[in-house]
Amino acid sequence: MPVKINTYACDFRCGYTNTKKLSTVKHESNCLGNPEKSACKTCKFLDSDTGDNGMDGGYSREYKYNFCSIDKGCEPTPTNKDGLRVGCKYWEGSK
């Protein structure tokens, strides 16, 4: 029989959920969807493209590449595993 579980979800709609409110609040302070982080995910300059690894058959994989469409040679740090950055001085909120 199903069991009812109360969970808390991130206000920035990134998909994060937790049964503990404090853990969710802590996550929100570091979430890439939080505009206060000046992250690529919420910037109007974020662009993406897809490509593949050039292999055939079962080895072929498609990838999504994130990149900044503003060409100012900026390399903000730190960078997370998705290639999205935080703390960019050129960040502008998306519409």
PDB file of N, CA and C in Angstrom:
ATOM      1  N   MET A   1       0.844  -1.183   0.000  1.00  0.00           N
ATOM      2  CA  MET A   1       0.000   0.000   0.000  1.00  0.00           C
ATOM      3  C   MET A   1       0.893   1.251   0.000  1.00  0.00           C
ATOM      4  N   PRO A   2       0.564   2.241  -0.821  1.00  0.00           N
ATOM      5  CA  PRO A   2       1.354   3.471  -0.879  1.00  0.00           C
ATOM      6  C   PRO A   2       1.370   4.199   0.468  1.00  0.00           C
ATOM      7  N   VAL A   3       2.491   4.875   0.712  1.00  0.00           N
ATOM      8  CA  VAL A   3       2.658   5.645   1.935  1.00  0.00           C
ATOM      9  C   VAL A   3       2.772   7.116   1.564  1.00  0.00           C
ATOM     10  N   LYS A   4       2.072   7.980   2.287  1.00  0.00           N
ATOM     11  CA  LYS A   4       2.137   9.413   2.029  1.00  0.00           C
ATOM     12  C   LYS A   4       3.410   9.967   2.660  1.00  0.00           C
ATOM     13  N   ILE A   5       4.194  10.710   1.847  1.00  0.00           N
ATOM     14  CA  ILE A   5       5.428  11.328   2.315  1.00  0.00           C
ATOM     15  C   ILE A   5       5.382  12.809   1.963  1.00  0.00           C
ATOM     16  N   ASN A   6       5.636  13.652   2.937  1.00  0.00           N
ATOM     17  CA  ASN A   6       5.704  15.091   2.685  1.00  0.00           C
ATOM     18  C   ASN A   6       7.117  15.454   2.274  1.00  0.00           C
ATOM     19  N   THR A   7       7.252  16.182   1.183  1.00  0.00           N
ATOM     20  CA  THR A   7       8.569  16.617   0.727  1.00  0.00           C
ATOM     21  C   THR A   7       8.564  18.119   0.462  1.00  0.00           C
ATOM     22  N   TYR A   8       9.745  18.684   0.461  1.00  0.00           N
ATOM     23  CA  TYR A   8       9.939  20.097   0.150  1.00  0.00           C
ATOM     24  C   TYR A   8      10.640  20.178  -1.193  1.00  0.00           C
ATOM     25  N   ALA A   9      10.207  21.106  -2.041  1.00  0.00           N
ATOM     26  CA  ALA A   9      10.785  21.269  -3.376  1.00  0.00           C
ATOM     27  C   ALA A   9      11.467  22.628  -3.479  1.00  0.00           C
ATOM     28  N   CYS A  10      12.507  22.681  -4.273  1.00  0.00           N
ATOM     29  CA  CYS A  10      13.235  23.928  -4.518  1.00  0.00           C
ATOM     30  C   CYS A  10      12.310  24.944  -5.181  1.00  0.00           C
ATOM     31  N   ASP A  11      12.343  26.184  -4.669  1.00  0.00           N
ATOM     32  CA  ASP A  11      11.519  27.258  -5.237  1.00  0.00           C
ATOM     33  C   ASP A  11      11.937  27.638  -6.657  1.00  0.00           C
ATOM     34  N   PHE A  12      13.152  27.277  -7.050  1.00  0.00           N
ATOM     35  CA  PHE A  12      13.659  27.660  -8.364  1.00  0.00           C
ATOM     36  C   PHE A  12      13.389  26.594  -9.421  1.00  0.00           C
ATOM     37  N   ARG A  13      12.574  25.611  -9.095  1.00  0.00           N
ATOM     38  CA  ARG A  13      12.062  24.593 -10.019  1.00  0.00           C
ATOM     39  C   ARG A  13      13.161  23.831 -10.778  1.00  0.00           C
ATOM     40  N   CYS A  14      14.206  23.467 -10.044  1.00  0.00           N
ATOM     41  CA  CYS A  14      15.280  22.691 -10.663  1.00  0.00           C
ATOM     42  C   CYS A  14      15.028  21.191 -10.556  1.00  0.00           C
ATOM     43  N   GLY A  15      14.025  20.802  -9.796  1.00  0.00           N
ATOM     44  CA  GLY A  15      13.709  19.393  -9.629  1.00  0.00           C
ATOM     45  C   GLY A  15      14.162  18.817  -8.299  1.00  0.00           C
ATOM     46  N   TYR A  16      14.891  19.589  -7.507  1.00  0.00           N
ATOM     47  CA  TYR A  16      15.388  19.096  -6.218  1.00  0.00           C
ATOM     48  C   TYR A  16      14.239  18.994  -5.220  1.00  0.00           C
ATOM     49  N   THR A  17      14.172  17.860  -4.528  1.00  0.00           N
ATOM     50  CA  THR A  17      13.211  17.671  -3.437  1.00  0.00           C
ATOM     51  C   THR A  17      13.915  16.967  -2.290  1.00  0.00           C
ATOM     52  N   ASN A  18      13.394  17.187  -1.077  1.00  0.00           N
ATOM     53  CA  ASN A  18      13.946  16.550   0.110  1.00  0.00           C
ATOM     54  C   ASN A  18      12.860  16.510   1.171  1.00  0.00           C
ATOM     55  N   THR A  19      12.923  15.522   2.030  1.00  0.00           N
ATOM     56  CA  THR A  19      11.933  15.430   3.112  1.00  0.00           C
ATOM     57  C   THR A  19      12.256  16.392   4.243  1.00  0.00           C
ATOM     58  N   LYS A  20      13.482  16.946   4.243  1.00  0.00           N
ATOM     59  CA  LYS A  20      13.886  17.879   5.303  1.00  0.00           C
ATOM     60  C   LYS A  20      13.888  19.306   4.778  1.00  0.00           C
ATOM     61  N   LYS A  21      13.163  20.168   5.455  1.00  0.00           N
ATOM     62  CA  LYS A  21      13.052  21.564   5.034  1.00  0.00           C
ATOM     63  C   LYS A  21      14.421  22.257   5.059  1.00  0.00           C
ATOM     64  N   LEU A  22      15.214  22.021   6.100  1.00  0.00           N
ATOM     65  CA  LEU A  22      16.518  22.665   6.216  1.00  0.00           C
ATOM     66  C   LEU A  22      17.442  22.304   5.061  1.00  0.00           C
ATOM     67  N   SER A  23      17.412  21.058   4.621  1.00  0.00           N
ATOM     68  CA  SER A  23      18.232  20.632   3.482  1.00  0.00           C
ATOM     69  C   SER A  23      17.813  21.349   2.206  1.00  0.00           C
ATOM     70  N   THR A  24      16.517  21.537   2.037  1.00  0.00           N
ATOM     71  CA  THR A  24      16.010  22.223   0.851  1.00  0.00           C
ATOM     72  C   THR A  24      16.387  23.703   0.875  1.00  0.00           C
ATOM     73  N   VAL A  25      16.302  24.328   2.038  1.00  0.00           N
ATOM     74  CA  VAL A  25      16.703  25.734   2.177  1.00  0.00           C
ATOM     75  C   VAL A  25      18.188  25.891   1.857  1.00  0.00           C
ATOM     76  N   LYS A  26      19.014  24.971   2.356  1.00  0.00           N
ATOM     77  CA  LYS A  26      20.451  25.006   2.074  1.00  0.00           C
ATOM     78  C   LYS A  26      20.706  24.836   0.580  1.00  0.00           C
ATOM     79  N   HIS A  27      19.996  23.904  -0.059  1.00  0.00           N
ATOM     80  CA  HIS A  27      20.143  23.700  -1.505  1.00  0.00           C
ATOM     81  C   HIS A  27      19.807  24.973  -2.269  1.00  0.00           C
ATOM     82  N   GLU A  28      18.709  25.639  -1.896  1.00  0.00           N
ATOM     83  CA  GLU A  28      18.271  26.836  -2.618  1.00  0.00           C
ATOM     84  C   GLU A  28      19.323  27.937  -2.607  1.00  0.00           C
ATOM     85  N   SER A  29      20.123  28.015  -1.545  1.00  0.00           N
ATOM     86  CA  SER A  29      21.146  29.059  -1.489  1.00  0.00           C
ATOM     87  C   SER A  29      22.270  28.794  -2.494  1.00  0.00           C
ATOM     88  N   ASN A  30      22.412  27.552  -2.958  1.00  0.00           N
ATOM     89  CA  ASN A  30      23.446  27.198  -3.932  1.00  0.00           C
ATOM     90  C   ASN A  30      22.898  26.769  -5.285  1.00  0.00           C
ATOM     91  N   CYS A  31      21.593  26.806  -5.454  1.00  0.00           N
ATOM     92  CA  CYS A  31      20.948  26.330  -6.678  1.00  0.00           C
ATOM     93  C   CYS A  31      21.317  27.212  -7.874  1.00  0.00           C
ATOM     94  N   LEU A  32      21.626  26.579  -9.001  1.00  0.00           N
ATOM     95  CA  LEU A  32      21.954  27.336 -10.215  1.00  0.00           C
ATOM     96  C   LEU A  32      20.756  28.094 -10.767  1.00  0.00           C
ATOM     97  N   GLY A  33      19.555  27.759 -10.306  1.00  0.00           N
ATOM     98  CA  GLY A  33      18.366  28.489 -10.723  1.00  0.00           C
ATOM     99  C   GLY A  33      18.122  29.741  -9.903  1.00  0.00           C
ATOM    100  N   ASN A  34      18.904  29.934  -8.859  1.00  0.00           N
ATOM    101  CA  ASN A  34      18.771  31.095  -7.984  1.00  0.00           C
ATOM    102  C   ASN A  34      19.441  32.298  -8.653  1.00  0.00           C
ATOM    103  N   PRO A  35      18.672  33.338  -8.995  1.00  0.00           N
ATOM    104  CA  PRO A  35      19.256  34.495  -9.676  1.00  0.00           C
ATOM    105  C   PRO A  35      20.381  35.173  -8.893  1.00  0.00           C
ATOM    106  N   GLU A  36      20.388  35.033  -7.574  1.00  0.00           N
ATOM    107  CA  GLU A  36      21.444  35.638  -6.767  1.00  0.00           C
ATOM    108  C   GLU A  36      22.809  35.002  -7.018  1.00  0.00           C
ATOM    109  N   LYS A  37      22.849  33.815  -7.620  1.00  0.00           N
ATOM    110  CA  LYS A  37      24.110  33.140  -7.913  1.00  0.00           C
ATOM    111  C   LYS A  37      24.752  33.653  -9.198  1.00  0.00           C
ATOM    112  N   SER A  38      24.063  34.460  -9.981  1.00  0.00           N
ATOM    113  CA  SER A  38      24.559  34.955 -11.279  1.00  0.00           C
ATOM    114  C   SER A  38      25.097  33.805 -12.125  1.00  0.00           C
ATOM    115  N   ALA A  39      24.291  32.762 -12.230  1.00  0.00           N
ATOM    116  CA  ALA A  39      24.691  31.553 -12.956  1.00  0.00           C
ATOM    117  C   ALA A  39      24.194  31.583 -14.397  1.00  0.00           C
ATOM    118  N   CYS A  40      24.886  30.844 -15.247  1.00  0.00           N
ATOM    119  CA  CYS A  40      24.514  30.744 -16.660  1.00  0.00           C
ATOM    120  C   CYS A  40      23.045  30.340 -16.841  1.00  0.00           C
ATOM    121  N   LYS A  41      22.581  29.437 -15.977  1.00  0.00           N
ATOM    122  CA  LYS A  41      21.233  28.886 -16.134  1.00  0.00           C
ATOM    123  C   LYS A  41      20.155  29.974 -16.141  1.00  0.00           C
ATOM    124  N   THR A  42      20.387  31.080 -15.447  1.00  0.00           N
ATOM    125  CA  THR A  42      19.387  32.150 -15.384  1.00  0.00           C
ATOM    126  C   THR A  42      19.790  33.382 -16.182  1.00  0.00           C
ATOM    127  N   CYS A  43      20.832  33.269 -16.994  1.00  0.00           N
ATOM    128  CA  CYS A  43      21.345  34.411 -17.756  1.00  0.00           C
ATOM    129  C   CYS A  43      20.764  34.450 -19.169  1.00  0.00           C
ATOM    130  N   LYS A  44      20.530  35.646 -19.660  1.00  0.00           N
ATOM    131  CA  LYS A  44      19.981  35.769 -21.014  1.00  0.00           C
ATOM    132  C   LYS A  44      21.004  35.429 -22.090  1.00  0.00           C
ATOM    133  N   PHE A  45      22.286  35.347 -21.740  1.00  0.00           N
ATOM    134  CA  PHE A  45      23.323  35.029 -22.716  1.00  0.00           C
ATOM    135  C   PHE A  45      23.602  33.535 -22.858  1.00  0.00           C
ATOM    136  N   LEU A  46      22.931  32.685 -22.056  1.00  0.00           N
ATOM    137  CA  LEU A  46      23.159  31.244 -22.164  1.00  0.00           C
ATOM    138  C   LEU A  46      22.649  30.744 -23.510  1.00  0.00           C
ATOM    139  N   ASP A  47      23.455  29.975 -24.169  1.00  0.00           N
ATOM    140  CA  ASP A  47      23.075  29.359 -25.435  1.00  0.00           C
ATOM    141  C   ASP A  47      23.545  27.908 -25.378  1.00  0.00           C
ATOM    142  N   SER A  48      22.985  27.075 -26.201  1.00  0.00           N
ATOM    143  CA  SER A  48      23.412  25.681 -26.212  1.00  0.00           C
ATOM    144  C   SER A  48      23.332  25.116 -27.623  1.00  0.00           C
ATOM    145  N   ASP A  49      24.064  24.065 -27.826  1.00  0.00           N
ATOM    146  CA  ASP A  49      24.096  23.397 -29.113  1.00  0.00           C
ATOM    147  C   ASP A  49      24.244  21.907 -28.833  1.00  0.00           C
ATOM    148  N   THR A  50      23.943  21.105 -29.817  1.00  0.00           N
ATOM    149  CA  THR A  50      24.118  19.666 -29.654  1.00  0.00           C
ATOM    150  C   THR A  50      25.135  19.166 -30.667  1.00  0.00           C
ATOM    151  N   GLY A  51      25.758  18.072 -30.337  1.00  0.00           N
ATOM    152  CA  GLY A  51      26.725  17.453 -31.223  1.00  0.00           C
ATOM    153  C   GLY A  51      26.824  15.984 -30.871  1.00  0.00           C
ATOM    154  N   ASP A  52      27.613  15.258 -31.628  1.00  0.00           N
ATOM    155  CA  ASP A  52      27.789  13.851 -31.299  1.00  0.00           C
ATOM    156  C   ASP A  52      29.277  13.534 -31.239  1.00  0.00           C
ATOM    157  N   ASN A  53      29.571  12.317 -30.817  1.00  0.00           N
ATOM    158  CA  ASN A  53      30.966  11.927 -30.673  1.00  0.00           C
ATOM    159  C   ASN A  53      31.574  11.405 -31.970  1.00  0.00           C
ATOM    160  N   GLY A  54      30.837  11.408 -33.065  1.00  0.00           N
ATOM    161  CA  GLY A  54      31.357  11.008 -34.365  1.00  0.00           C
ATOM    162  C   GLY A  54      31.491   9.510 -34.586  1.00  0.00           C
ATOM    163  N   MET A  55      30.940   8.730 -33.673  1.00  0.00           N
ATOM    164  CA  MET A  55      31.042   7.275 -33.811  1.00  0.00           C
ATOM    165  C   MET A  55      29.746   6.707 -34.376  1.00  0.00           C
ATOM    166  N   ASP A  56      29.824   5.525 -34.936  1.00  0.00           N
ATOM    167  CA  ASP A  56      28.655   4.875 -35.523  1.00  0.00           C
ATOM    168  C   ASP A  56      28.119   3.778 -34.605  1.00  0.00           C
ATOM    169  N   GLY A  57      26.920   3.347 -34.925  1.00  0.00           N
ATOM    170  CA  GLY A  57      26.328   2.201 -34.231  1.00  0.00           C
ATOM    171  C   GLY A  57      26.008   2.482 -32.782  1.00  0.00           C
ATOM    172  N   GLY A  58      26.183   1.463 -31.943  1.00  0.00           N
ATOM    173  CA  GLY A  58      25.856   1.561 -30.533  1.00  0.00           C
ATOM    174  C   GLY A  58      26.771   2.483 -29.751  1.00  0.00           C
ATOM    175  N   TYR A  59      27.850   2.953 -30.371  1.00  0.00           N
ATOM    176  CA  TYR A  59      28.783   3.828 -29.671  1.00  0.00           C
ATOM    177  C   TYR A  59      28.461   5.308 -29.872  1.00  0.00           C
ATOM    178  N   SER A  60      27.501   5.607 -30.737  1.00  0.00           N
ATOM    179  CA  SER A  60      27.156   6.991 -31.035  1.00  0.00           C
ATOM    180  C   SER A  60      26.410   7.617 -29.853  1.00  0.00           C
ATOM    181  N   ARG A  61      26.810   8.802 -29.449  1.00  0.00           N
ATOM    182  CA  ARG A  61      26.159   9.522 -28.365  1.00  0.00           C
ATOM    183  C   ARG A  61      25.992  10.980 -28.758  1.00  0.00           C
ATOM    184  N   GLU A  62      24.852  11.550 -28.394  1.00  0.00           N
ATOM    185  CA  GLU A  62      24.624  12.970 -28.631  1.00  0.00           C
ATOM    186  C   GLU A  62      24.830  13.725 -27.328  1.00  0.00           C
ATOM    187  N   TYR A  63      25.446  14.886 -27.420  1.00  0.00           N
ATOM    188  CA  TYR A  63      25.742  15.694 -26.248  1.00  0.00           C
ATOM    189  C   TYR A  63      25.168  17.090 -26.409  1.00  0.00           C
ATOM    190  N   LYS A  64      24.860  17.725 -25.298  1.00  0.00           N
ATOM    191  CA  LYS A  64      24.421  19.112 -25.292  1.00  0.00           C
ATOM    192  C   LYS A  64      25.573  19.953 -24.758  1.00  0.00           C
ATOM    193  N   TYR A  65      25.941  20.984 -25.496  1.00  0.00           N
ATOM    194  CA  TYR A  65      27.011  21.886 -25.096  1.00  0.00           C
ATOM    195  C   TYR A  65      26.398  23.219 -24.688  1.00  0.00           C
ATOM    196  N   ASN A  66      26.745  23.682 -23.502  1.00  0.00           N
ATOM    197  CA  ASN A  66      26.319  24.999 -23.041  1.00  0.00           C
ATOM    198  C   ASN A  66      27.459  25.977 -23.283  1.00  0.00           C
ATOM    199  N   PHE A  67      27.117  27.163 -23.736  1.00  0.00           N
ATOM    200  CA  PHE A  67      28.141  28.180 -23.906  1.00  0.00           C
ATOM    201  C   PHE A  67      27.535  29.558 -23.775  1.00  0.00           C
ATOM    202  N   CYS A  68      28.397  30.531 -23.557  1.00  0.00           N
ATOM    203  CA  CYS A  68      27.974  31.916 -23.378  1.00  0.00           C
ATOM    204  C   CYS A  68      27.988  32.602 -24.740  1.00  0.00           C
ATOM    205  N   SER A  69      26.894  33.278 -25.085  1.00  0.00           N
ATOM    206  CA  SER A  69      26.818  33.935 -26.385  1.00  0.00           C
ATOM    207  C   SER A  69      27.424  35.336 -26.368  1.00  0.00           C
ATOM    208  N   ILE A  70      27.865  35.784 -25.205  1.00  0.00           N
ATOM    209  CA  ILE A  70      28.509  37.095 -25.130  1.00  0.00           C
ATOM    210  C   ILE A  70      30.015  36.866 -25.269  1.00  0.00           C
ATOM    211  N   ASP A  71      30.655  37.555 -26.177  1.00  0.00           N
ATOM    212  CA  ASP A  71      32.070  37.300 -26.452  1.00  0.00           C
ATOM    213  C   ASP A  71      32.927  38.374 -25.796  1.00  0.00           C
ATOM    214  N   LYS A  72      33.183  38.187 -24.519  1.00  0.00           N
ATOM    215  CA  LYS A  72      34.047  39.130 -23.807  1.00  0.00           C
ATOM    216  C   LYS A  72      35.233  38.404 -23.202  1.00  0.00           C
ATOM    217  N   GLY A  73      35.429  37.161 -23.613  1.00  0.00           N
ATOM    218  CA  GLY A  73      36.556  36.390 -23.115  1.00  0.00           C
ATOM    219  C   GLY A  73      36.453  36.080 -21.628  1.00  0.00           C
ATOM    220  N   CYS A  74      35.245  36.079 -21.102  1.00  0.00           N
ATOM    221  CA  CYS A  74      35.097  35.841 -19.673  1.00  0.00           C
ATOM    222  C   CYS A  74      35.214  34.358 -19.368  1.00  0.00           C
ATOM    223  N   GLU A  75      35.902  34.057 -18.310  1.00  0.00           N
ATOM    224  CA  GLU A  75      36.026  32.690 -17.828  1.00  0.00           C
ATOM    225  C   GLU A  75      35.711  32.690 -16.340  1.00  0.00           C
ATOM    226  N   PRO A  76      34.436  32.903 -15.977  1.00  0.00           N
ATOM    227  CA  PRO A  76      34.097  32.950 -14.565  1.00  0.00           C
ATOM    228  C   PRO A  76      34.297  31.599 -13.898  1.00  0.00           C
ATOM    229  N   THR A  77      34.601  31.617 -12.639  1.00  0.00           N
ATOM    230  CA  THR A  77      34.781  30.383 -11.881  1.00  0.00           C
ATOM    231  C   THR A  77      33.927  30.453 -10.623  1.00  0.00           C
ATOM    232  N   PRO A  78      33.595  29.370  -9.973  1.00  0.00           N
ATOM    233  CA  PRO A  78      33.902  28.000 -10.370  1.00  0.00           C
ATOM    234  C   PRO A  78      32.942  27.489 -11.440  1.00  0.00           C
ATOM    235  N   THR A  79      33.276  26.378 -12.048  1.00  0.00           N
ATOM    236  CA  THR A  79      32.444  25.748 -13.065  1.00  0.00           C
ATOM    237  C   THR A  79      31.939  24.427 -12.508  1.00  0.00           C
ATOM    238  N   ASN A  80      30.669  24.128 -12.705  1.00  0.00           N
ATOM    239  CA  ASN A  80      30.154  22.840 -12.235  1.00  0.00           C
ATOM    240  C   ASN A  80      30.238  21.814 -13.356  1.00  0.00           C
ATOM    241  N   LYS A  81      29.791  20.599 -13.086  1.00  0.00           N
ATOM    242  CA  LYS A  81      29.939  19.489 -14.029  1.00  0.00           C
ATOM    243  C   LYS A  81      29.185  19.680 -15.337  1.00  0.00           C
ATOM    244  N   ASP A  82      28.193  20.598 -15.393  1.00  0.00           N
ATOM    245  CA  ASP A  82      27.420  20.818 -16.615  1.00  0.00           C
ATOM    246  C   ASP A  82      28.017  21.906 -17.498  1.00  0.00           C
ATOM    247  N   GLY A  83      29.138  22.462 -17.103  1.00  0.00           N
ATOM    248  CA  GLY A  83      29.740  23.543 -17.872  1.00  0.00           C
ATOM    249  C   GLY A  83      29.068  24.876 -17.620  1.00  0.00           C
ATOM    250  N   LEU A  84      28.178  24.928 -16.641  1.00  0.00           N
ATOM    251  CA  LEU A  84      27.528  26.182 -16.280  1.00  0.00           C
ATOM    252  C   LEU A  84      28.337  26.863 -15.190  1.00  0.00           C
ATOM    253  N   ARG A  85      28.408  28.167 -15.244  1.00  0.00           N
ATOM    254  CA  ARG A  85      29.241  28.916 -14.310  1.00  0.00           C
ATOM    255  C   ARG A  85      28.396  29.747 -13.352  1.00  0.00           C
ATOM    256  N   VAL A  86      29.015  30.167 -12.271  1.00  0.00           N
ATOM    257  CA  VAL A  86      28.358  31.056 -11.306  1.00  0.00           C
ATOM    258  C   VAL A  86      29.244  32.268 -11.078  1.00  0.00           C
ATOM    259  N   GLY A  87      28.636  33.343 -10.631  1.00  0.00           N
ATOM    260  CA  GLY A  87      29.393  34.538 -10.291  1.00  0.00           C
ATOM    261  C   GLY A  87      29.939  35.311 -11.471  1.00  0.00           C
ATOM    262  N   CYS A  88      29.269  35.295 -12.585  1.00  0.00           N
ATOM    263  CA  CYS A  88      29.756  35.993 -13.780  1.00  0.00           C
ATOM    264  C   CYS A  88      29.455  37.489 -13.691  1.00  0.00           C
ATOM    265  N   LYS A  89      30.452  38.307 -13.959  1.00  0.00           N
ATOM    266  CA  LYS A  89      30.250  39.757 -13.896  1.00  0.00           C
ATOM    267  C   LYS A  89      29.429  40.282 -15.071  1.00  0.00           C
ATOM    268  N   TYR A  90      29.255  39.484 -16.126  1.00  0.00           N
ATOM    269  CA  TYR A  90      28.452  39.896 -17.286  1.00  0.00           C
ATOM    270  C   TYR A  90      27.032  39.373 -17.232  1.00  0.00           C
ATOM    271  N   TRP A  91      26.664  38.703 -16.135  1.00  0.00           N
ATOM    272  CA  TRP A  91      25.352  38.084 -16.013  1.00  0.00           C
ATOM    273  C   TRP A  91      24.237  39.115 -16.105  1.00  0.00           C
ATOM    274  N   GLU A  92      23.217  38.783 -16.889  1.00  0.00           N
ATOM    275  CA  GLU A  92      21.985  39.569 -16.955  1.00  0.00           C
ATOM    276  C   GLU A  92      20.822  38.602 -16.918  1.00  0.00           C
ATOM    277  N   GLY A  93      19.834  38.897 -16.107  1.00  0.00           N
ATOM    278  CA  GLY A  93      18.696  38.012 -15.942  1.00  0.00           C
ATOM    279  C   GLY A  93      17.957  37.745 -17.241  1.00  0.00           C
ATOM    280  N   SER A  94      17.505  36.520 -17.376  1.00  0.00           N
ATOM    281  CA  SER A  94      16.731  36.153 -18.573  1.00  0.00           C
ATOM    282  C   SER A  94      15.309  36.652 -18.423  1.00  0.00           C
ATOM    283  N   LYS A  95      14.634  36.746 -19.531  1.00  0.00           N
ATOM    284  CA  LYS A  95      13.267  37.288 -19.523  1.00  0.00           C
ATOM    285  C   LYS A  95      12.270  36.222 -19.240  1.00  0.00           C
TER     286      LYS A  95
END
